[in-house]
Amino acid sequence: MTSDWHIPDDLRDRYLAGTLDAARAMSVDAHLGRCADCRGAVPYEPDWLEASWRRLESEVVGPSLRPAERLLRLAGVPGHLARLLAATPAASRAWVAAVTLALAFAVLAAREAAAYLPAFLVLAPVLPLTGIALAYGPRVDPAHELMAATPLAGPRLLLTRATAVLAVAVVLAGLASPLLPAPPGLSAAWLLPALAAAGGCLALVGRLPGPIAALAMGGSWLAIVGLGRLAAGSWLAAFGPLPQVLYGVAALLMSYRVYRMSLT
């Protein structure tokens, strides 16, 4: 488009109606940005425009802090990082409430009958995986395109958000563990499997989409529990001393892998 060219009326009408294809719409946008005459020909409502600017200014200049963001800042987390973590989709109230309810039902079932204790131990390592799957990505985050344009985008953003989600899930499961009708050692037997599964999920995210990586690790964990049940005749076989050592080694190896990812 030359400097003496202006948007025809029919093209402008189609642009305002939203019926132009993407390429033409972007061309019109670019022209409007540098042509005051064509911008002046675009109709608008002054009251609506003024109200829109006021709302935008109130959000950008003085946005209200979310409770989670306020707590993070009080804990010493930098402001920009606190806002990023507070906006993590999987850290939303709905997800936290769902995790809390799932743990509560598992604890109540275990207290009602000891036979249901393995349900809690099997469930606890899976919950962080769901959070990691929903921590970052175009399908779960409305602000994904905006985040992707920042210097923190990519593996660092995923790992930052996933760490926050993992911490929330582990803390909630840790608070529920003392309520189980089981010795302290058995009540905490979910922790190392949870860390190993979460580390494996984060390591896979470099090669697979988040939901696929979480599904793969969740399926692997359930397969391990099932094999232990078949081999030893007990759902608790996967939580014995030797498996715990293996989970610890796997968690360390996965943590090293995730650390290397964070450097890229």
Protein backbone atom coordinates (compact mmCIF):
# COMPACT_ATOMS: atom_id res chain seq x y z
CA MET A 1 0.00 0.00 0.00
CA THR A 2 1.50 3.34 -1.09
CA SER A 3 1.50 6.47 1.06
CA ASP A 4 -1.24 8.14 -1.10
CA TRP A 5 -3.53 5.12 -0.96
CA HIS A 6 -6.57 5.16 1.35
CA ILE A 7 -8.95 2.44 2.43
CA PRO A 8 -12.01 2.26 0.14
CA ASP A 9 -15.43 2.46 1.78
CA ASP A 10 -16.39 -1.12 0.92
CA LEU A 11 -13.10 -2.48 2.31
CA ARG A 12 -13.51 -0.43 5.48
CA ASP A 13 -17.08 -1.72 5.93
CA ARG A 14 -15.94 -5.32 5.57
CA TYR A 15 -13.10 -4.64 8.02
CA LEU A 16 -15.50 -3.23 10.61
CA ALA A 17 -17.90 -6.14 10.06
CA GLY A 18 -15.06 -8.62 10.64
CA THR A 19 -15.51 -10.39 7.32
CA LEU A 20 -12.01 -9.80 5.93
CA ASP A 21 -9.50 -12.63 5.75
CA ALA A 22 -6.56 -12.46 8.14
CA ALA A 23 -4.04 -11.14 5.59
CA ARG A 24 -6.27 -8.25 4.44
CA ALA A 25 -7.28 -7.41 8.02
CA MET A 26 -3.61 -7.16 9.06
CA SER A 27 -2.90 -4.93 6.05
CA VAL A 28 -5.75 -2.61 7.01
CA ASP A 29 -4.53 -2.57 10.62
CA ALA A 30 -1.05 -1.59 9.49
CA HIS A 31 -2.41 1.17 7.25
CA LEU A 32 -4.64 2.58 9.98
CA GLY A 33 -1.61 2.82 12.26
CA ARG A 34 0.11 5.29 9.94
CA CYS A 35 -2.78 7.08 8.19
CA ALA A 36 -4.64 9.66 10.26
CA ASP A 37 -7.22 10.29 7.49
CA CYS A 38 -8.29 6.64 7.39
CA ARG A 39 -8.37 6.44 11.18
CA GLY A 40 -10.64 9.47 11.24
CA ALA A 41 -13.02 7.73 8.82
CA VAL A 42 -13.52 4.82 11.23
CA PRO A 43 -16.67 5.49 13.27
CA TYR A 44 -16.55 5.21 17.06
CA GLU A 45 -18.55 6.25 20.11
CA PRO A 46 -16.67 8.82 22.21
CA ASP A 47 -18.36 7.78 25.47
CA TRP A 48 -17.57 4.09 24.88
CA LEU A 49 -13.96 4.89 23.96
CA GLU A 50 -13.44 7.04 27.06
CA ALA A 51 -14.96 4.38 29.32
CA SER A 52 -12.75 1.72 27.73
CA TRP A 53 -9.61 3.75 28.36
CA ARG A 54 -10.63 4.30 31.99
CA ARG A 55 -11.12 0.56 32.53
CA LEU A 56 -7.80 -0.21 30.85
CA GLU A 57 -5.99 2.40 32.96
CA SER A 58 -7.48 1.04 36.17
CA GLU A 59 -6.28 -2.47 35.30
CA VAL A 60 -2.78 -1.50 34.15
CA VAL A 61 -1.88 1.34 36.48
CA GLY A 62 -3.43 0.17 39.71
CA PRO A 63 -4.63 -3.43 39.50
CA SER A 64 -5.90 -4.98 42.71
CA LEU A 65 -3.74 -7.77 44.09
CA ARG A 66 -5.14 -11.26 44.30
CA PRO A 67 -4.91 -12.92 47.72
CA ALA A 68 -2.40 -15.46 46.40
CA GLU A 69 -0.26 -12.71 44.89
CA ARG A 70 -0.40 -10.73 48.13
CA LEU A 71 0.75 -13.75 50.14
CA LEU A 72 3.60 -14.44 47.72
CA ARG A 73 4.81 -10.85 47.96
CA LEU A 74 4.67 -11.01 51.76
CA ALA A 75 6.82 -14.15 51.55
CA GLY A 76 9.47 -12.19 49.65
CA VAL A 77 8.68 -13.32 46.10
CA PRO A 78 9.45 -10.55 43.56
CA GLY A 79 6.37 -8.70 42.31
CA HIS A 80 6.59 -9.81 38.67
CA LEU A 81 7.09 -13.45 39.66
CA ALA A 82 4.28 -13.31 42.22
CA ARG A 83 1.88 -12.02 39.57
CA LEU A 84 2.99 -14.74 37.15
CA LEU A 85 2.44 -17.50 39.72
CA ALA A 86 -0.91 -16.09 40.83
CA ALA A 87 -2.08 -16.21 37.20
CA THR A 88 -1.16 -19.88 36.77
CA PRO A 89 -4.33 -21.61 35.49
CA ALA A 90 -3.84 -24.75 37.56
CA ALA A 91 -3.41 -22.69 40.74
CA SER A 92 -6.95 -21.36 40.39
CA ARG A 93 -9.47 -21.79 43.18
CA ALA A 94 -11.35 -24.40 41.16
CA TRP A 95 -8.30 -26.65 40.84
CA VAL A 96 -7.29 -26.23 44.48
CA ALA A 97 -10.86 -26.99 45.57
CA ALA A 98 -10.94 -30.11 43.37
CA VAL A 99 -7.64 -31.40 44.82
CA THR A 100 -8.84 -30.70 48.35
CA LEU A 101 -12.11 -32.55 47.78
CA ALA A 102 -10.36 -35.54 46.20
CA LEU A 103 -7.98 -35.81 49.16
CA ALA A 104 -10.82 -35.34 51.64
CA PHE A 105 -12.85 -38.16 50.09
CA ALA A 106 -9.79 -40.43 50.10
CA VAL A 107 -9.09 -39.68 53.78
CA LEU A 108 -12.73 -40.23 54.78
CA ALA A 109 -12.81 -43.52 52.89
CA ALA A 110 -9.60 -44.69 54.59
CA ARG A 111 -10.95 -43.76 58.01
CA GLU A 112 -14.17 -45.59 57.29
CA ALA A 113 -12.35 -48.78 56.30
CA ALA A 114 -8.60 -49.49 56.37
CA ALA A 115 -8.93 -51.33 53.06
CA TYR A 116 -9.33 -47.96 51.35
CA LEU A 117 -5.98 -46.60 52.60
CA PRO A 118 -4.18 -47.49 49.33
CA ALA A 119 -6.66 -45.27 47.49
CA PHE A 120 -5.12 -42.19 49.13
CA LEU A 121 -1.55 -43.38 48.55
CA VAL A 122 -2.25 -44.06 44.87
CA LEU A 123 -4.19 -40.83 44.34
CA ALA A 124 -1.73 -38.41 45.97
CA PRO A 125 1.09 -38.81 43.37
CA VAL A 126 -1.39 -38.32 40.49
CA LEU A 127 -2.77 -34.96 41.64
CA PRO A 128 0.43 -32.93 40.99
CA LEU A 129 0.49 -34.37 37.45
CA THR A 130 -2.89 -32.85 36.66
CA GLY A 131 -1.66 -29.47 37.86
CA ILE A 132 1.49 -29.67 35.74
CA ALA A 133 -0.59 -30.61 32.70
CA LEU A 134 -2.67 -27.46 33.19
CA ALA A 135 0.16 -25.11 34.14
CA TYR A 136 1.15 -23.89 30.69
CA GLY A 137 -0.06 -24.18 27.13
CA PRO A 138 -2.29 -22.56 24.50
CA ARG A 139 -5.28 -24.78 25.33
CA VAL A 140 -5.37 -24.06 29.07
CA ASP A 141 -4.00 -20.54 29.47
CA PRO A 142 -5.98 -17.60 28.01
CA ALA A 143 -2.83 -15.46 28.24
CA HIS A 144 -0.56 -18.03 26.58
CA GLU A 145 0.24 -15.90 23.52
CA LEU A 146 1.05 -12.92 25.74
CA MET A 147 3.24 -15.06 28.01
CA ALA A 148 4.98 -16.65 25.04
CA ALA A 149 6.23 -13.23 23.96
CA THR A 150 8.05 -12.61 27.26
CA PRO A 151 11.71 -13.43 28.02
CA LEU A 152 10.50 -15.99 30.60
CA ALA A 153 8.59 -18.04 28.02
CA GLY A 154 9.33 -21.66 27.24
CA PRO A 155 10.88 -24.16 29.66
CA ARG A 156 11.58 -21.55 32.36
CA LEU A 157 7.95 -20.42 32.46
CA LEU A 158 6.69 -24.00 32.50
CA LEU A 159 9.09 -25.02 35.27
CA THR A 160 8.25 -21.95 37.36
CA ARG A 161 4.52 -22.57 37.16
CA ALA A 162 4.85 -26.33 37.54
CA THR A 163 6.93 -25.89 40.68
CA ALA A 164 4.22 -23.70 42.18
CA VAL A 165 1.51 -26.23 41.30
CA LEU A 166 3.59 -29.11 42.66
CA ALA A 167 4.16 -27.25 45.91
CA VAL A 168 0.42 -26.62 46.35
CA ALA A 169 -0.49 -30.26 45.69
CA VAL A 170 2.25 -31.61 47.97
CA VAL A 171 1.29 -29.24 50.81
CA LEU A 172 -2.38 -30.22 50.57
CA ALA A 173 -1.54 -33.94 50.54
CA GLY A 174 0.89 -33.40 53.40
CA LEU A 175 -1.83 -31.74 55.48
CA ALA A 176 -4.15 -34.68 54.80
CA SER A 177 -1.59 -37.39 55.64
CA PRO A 178 -1.77 -37.10 59.48
CA LEU A 179 -5.52 -37.72 59.27
CA LEU A 180 -5.01 -41.19 57.84
CA PRO A 181 -5.50 -44.22 60.12
CA ALA A 182 -1.95 -45.44 59.48
CA PRO A 183 1.55 -45.16 60.95
CA PRO A 184 3.38 -41.92 60.03
CA GLY A 185 5.81 -43.75 57.75
CA LEU A 186 3.04 -45.30 55.69
CA SER A 187 1.01 -42.09 55.66
CA ALA A 188 3.93 -40.31 53.97
CA ALA A 189 4.72 -43.16 51.56
CA TRP A 190 3.15 -41.19 48.69
CA LEU A 191 5.75 -38.37 48.81
CA LEU A 192 8.70 -39.94 46.95
CA PRO A 193 6.46 -41.46 44.23
CA ALA A 194 4.84 -38.03 43.80
CA LEU A 195 8.21 -36.29 43.43
CA ALA A 196 9.48 -38.95 41.01
CA ALA A 197 6.31 -38.81 38.89
CA ALA A 198 6.30 -35.00 38.81
CA GLY A 199 9.99 -34.91 37.89
CA GLY A 200 9.42 -37.43 35.12
CA CYS A 201 6.51 -35.40 33.81
CA LEU A 202 8.59 -32.23 33.70
CA ALA A 203 11.42 -34.07 31.96
CA LEU A 204 9.01 -35.36 29.32
CA VAL A 205 7.46 -31.94 28.73
CA GLY A 206 10.56 -30.97 26.76
CA ARG A 207 9.53 -33.57 24.16
CA LEU A 208 5.76 -33.97 24.60
CA PRO A 209 2.80 -31.66 25.26
CA GLY A 210 2.03 -31.21 28.96
CA PRO A 211 -1.21 -33.25 29.05
CA ILE A 212 0.40 -36.15 27.15
CA ALA A 213 3.43 -36.16 29.47
CA ALA A 214 1.16 -36.13 32.53
CA LEU A 215 -0.96 -38.93 31.12
CA ALA A 216 2.14 -41.00 30.37
CA MET A 217 3.53 -40.62 33.90
CA GLY A 218 0.15 -41.16 35.50
CA GLY A 219 -0.34 -44.34 33.51
CA SER A 220 3.17 -45.51 34.41
CA TRP A 221 2.49 -44.94 38.10
CA LEU A 222 -0.79 -46.87 37.99
CA ALA A 223 0.98 -49.67 36.13
CA ILE A 224 3.63 -49.87 38.87
CA VAL A 225 0.94 -50.10 41.55
CA GLY A 226 -0.92 -52.75 39.57
CA LEU A 227 2.22 -54.86 39.05
CA GLY A 228 2.97 -54.67 42.77
CA ARG A 229 -0.54 -55.88 43.51
CA LEU A 230 -0.15 -58.83 41.12
CA ALA A 231 3.33 -59.76 42.38
CA ALA A 232 2.73 -59.49 46.13
CA GLY A 233 -1.03 -59.67 46.44
CA SER A 234 -1.27 -56.27 48.14
CA TRP A 235 -1.92 -52.73 46.93
CA LEU A 236 0.70 -51.56 49.43
CA ALA A 237 3.51 -53.54 47.75
CA ALA A 238 4.44 -50.50 45.64
CA PHE A 239 5.12 -48.51 48.84
CA GLY A 240 7.64 -50.87 50.48
CA PRO A 241 11.24 -49.97 51.45
CA LEU A 242 12.92 -51.09 48.21
CA PRO A 243 10.42 -49.28 45.93
CA GLN A 244 10.87 -46.15 48.06
CA VAL A 245 14.63 -46.24 47.45
CA LEU A 246 14.00 -46.57 43.72
CA TYR A 247 11.53 -43.65 43.79
CA GLY A 248 14.13 -41.54 45.60
CA VAL A 249 16.82 -42.32 43.01
CA ALA A 250 14.38 -41.60 40.17
CA ALA A 251 13.38 -38.29 41.80
CA LEU A 252 17.04 -37.24 42.02
CA LEU A 253 17.73 -38.18 38.41
CA MET A 254 14.63 -36.38 37.19
CA SER A 255 15.50 -33.31 39.27
CA TYR A 256 18.91 -33.17 37.60
CA ARG A 257 17.26 -33.47 34.19
CA VAL A 258 14.82 -30.68 35.02
CA TYR A 259 17.70 -28.53 36.30
CA ARG A 260 19.50 -28.95 32.97
CA MET A 261 16.31 -27.97 31.18
CA SER A 262 16.04 -24.78 33.21
CA LEU A 263 19.47 -23.70 31.95
CA THR A 264 18.39 -23.77 28.30
